[in-house]
Amino acid sequence: MTNQMRRAAVSVGSNLAEGSSRTNAKDRAHFYQMGFSSLMELLSQSIVAFDLNLLDEIQHQELRNQIDKIGYKLNPLRNQTLKRVM
């Protein structure tokens, strides 16, 4: 579970970095979408880890707060980029 969560977390930043380097809005939108998907994967994994008692309530809430903060910033970026494609 730890390795899966690490891979998902790294994938968020990696996809954002790759997307930001693209000159085509469609390509940027694709990587921003992948980054957001990885963030949602991390959220799901954190819920499972909490349910399995691999994370305590404080750890889970701190992680959830960080995911929410990133998601609230990433979602508008993703949506703006998608509007440019359509």
Protein backbone atom coordinates (compact mmCIF):
# COMPACT_ATOMS: atom_id res chain seq x y z
CA MET A 1 0.00 0.00 0.00
CA THR A 2 2.83 2.39 0.84
CA ASN A 3 4.45 1.89 -2.55
CA GLN A 4 1.17 2.42 -4.39
CA MET A 5 0.52 5.63 -2.48
CA ARG A 6 4.03 6.89 -3.17
CA ARG A 7 3.70 6.14 -6.89
CA ALA A 8 0.35 7.95 -7.06
CA ALA A 9 1.74 10.98 -5.20
CA VAL A 10 4.81 11.17 -7.45
CA SER A 11 2.59 10.74 -10.50
CA VAL A 12 0.59 13.87 -9.60
CA GLY A 13 3.64 16.12 -9.72
CA SER A 14 5.21 14.33 -12.67
CA ASN A 15 2.10 14.73 -14.82
CA LEU A 16 1.76 18.40 -13.90
CA ALA A 17 5.40 19.01 -14.80
CA GLU A 18 5.08 17.19 -18.10
CA GLY A 19 1.82 18.95 -18.94
CA SER A 20 3.22 22.38 -18.19
CA SER A 21 6.01 21.82 -20.69
CA ARG A 22 3.59 21.06 -23.54
CA THR A 23 2.86 23.82 -26.04
CA ASN A 24 -0.40 22.29 -27.25
CA ALA A 25 -3.47 22.87 -25.03
CA LYS A 26 -4.81 19.39 -25.80
CA ASP A 27 -1.57 17.79 -24.57
CA ARG A 28 -1.51 20.00 -21.46
CA ALA A 29 -5.12 19.10 -20.68
CA HIS A 30 -4.32 15.40 -21.03
CA PHE A 31 -1.47 15.54 -18.51
CA TYR A 32 -3.42 17.76 -16.11
CA GLN A 33 -6.24 15.22 -16.29
CA MET A 34 -3.78 12.40 -15.57
CA GLY A 35 -2.40 14.35 -12.60
CA PHE A 36 -5.90 14.88 -11.24
CA SER A 37 -6.67 11.18 -11.75
CA SER A 38 -3.54 10.26 -9.80
CA LEU A 39 -4.63 12.60 -7.02
CA MET A 40 -8.01 10.84 -6.85
CA GLU A 41 -6.19 7.49 -6.82
CA LEU A 42 -4.17 8.70 -3.82
CA LEU A 43 -7.37 9.78 -2.10
CA SER A 44 -8.89 6.36 -2.63
CA GLN A 45 -5.78 4.64 -1.35
CA SER A 46 -5.70 6.83 1.75
CA ILE A 47 -9.29 5.86 2.56
CA VAL A 48 -8.43 2.18 2.17
CA ALA A 49 -5.28 2.59 4.30
CA PHE A 50 -7.35 4.27 7.01
CA ASP A 51 -10.01 1.55 6.85
CA LEU A 52 -7.27 -1.09 7.21
CA ASN A 53 -5.79 0.81 10.18
CA LEU A 54 -2.57 1.52 8.29
CA LEU A 55 -3.13 5.24 8.90
CA ASP A 56 -4.48 6.70 12.11
CA GLU A 57 -7.21 9.33 12.03
CA ILE A 58 -4.81 12.26 12.34
CA GLN A 59 -2.58 11.02 9.51
CA HIS A 60 -5.60 10.35 7.33
CA GLN A 61 -7.08 13.80 7.98
CA GLU A 62 -3.76 15.55 7.29
CA LEU A 63 -3.36 13.67 4.03
CA ARG A 64 -6.98 14.37 3.11
CA ASN A 65 -6.48 18.09 3.76
CA GLN A 66 -3.41 18.16 1.52
CA ILE A 67 -5.24 16.27 -1.24
CA ASP A 68 -8.17 18.70 -0.99
CA LYS A 69 -5.87 21.75 -1.22
CA ILE A 70 -4.13 20.37 -4.30
CA GLY A 71 -7.41 19.30 -5.87
CA TYR A 72 -8.96 22.76 -5.37
CA LYS A 73 -6.03 24.27 -7.27
CA LEU A 74 -5.66 21.57 -9.88
CA ASN A 75 -9.31 21.26 -10.86
CA PRO A 76 -9.66 24.88 -12.15
CA LEU A 77 -6.35 24.55 -14.01
CA ARG A 78 -7.57 21.37 -15.63
CA ASN A 79 -10.97 22.88 -16.50
CA GLN A 80 -9.46 26.05 -17.99
CA THR A 81 -7.13 24.02 -20.16
CA LEU A 82 -9.97 21.74 -21.28
CA LYS A 83 -12.04 24.81 -22.31
CA ARG A 84 -9.23 25.87 -24.64
CA VAL A 85 -9.35 22.50 -26.36
CA MET A 86 -13.08 22.54 -27.01
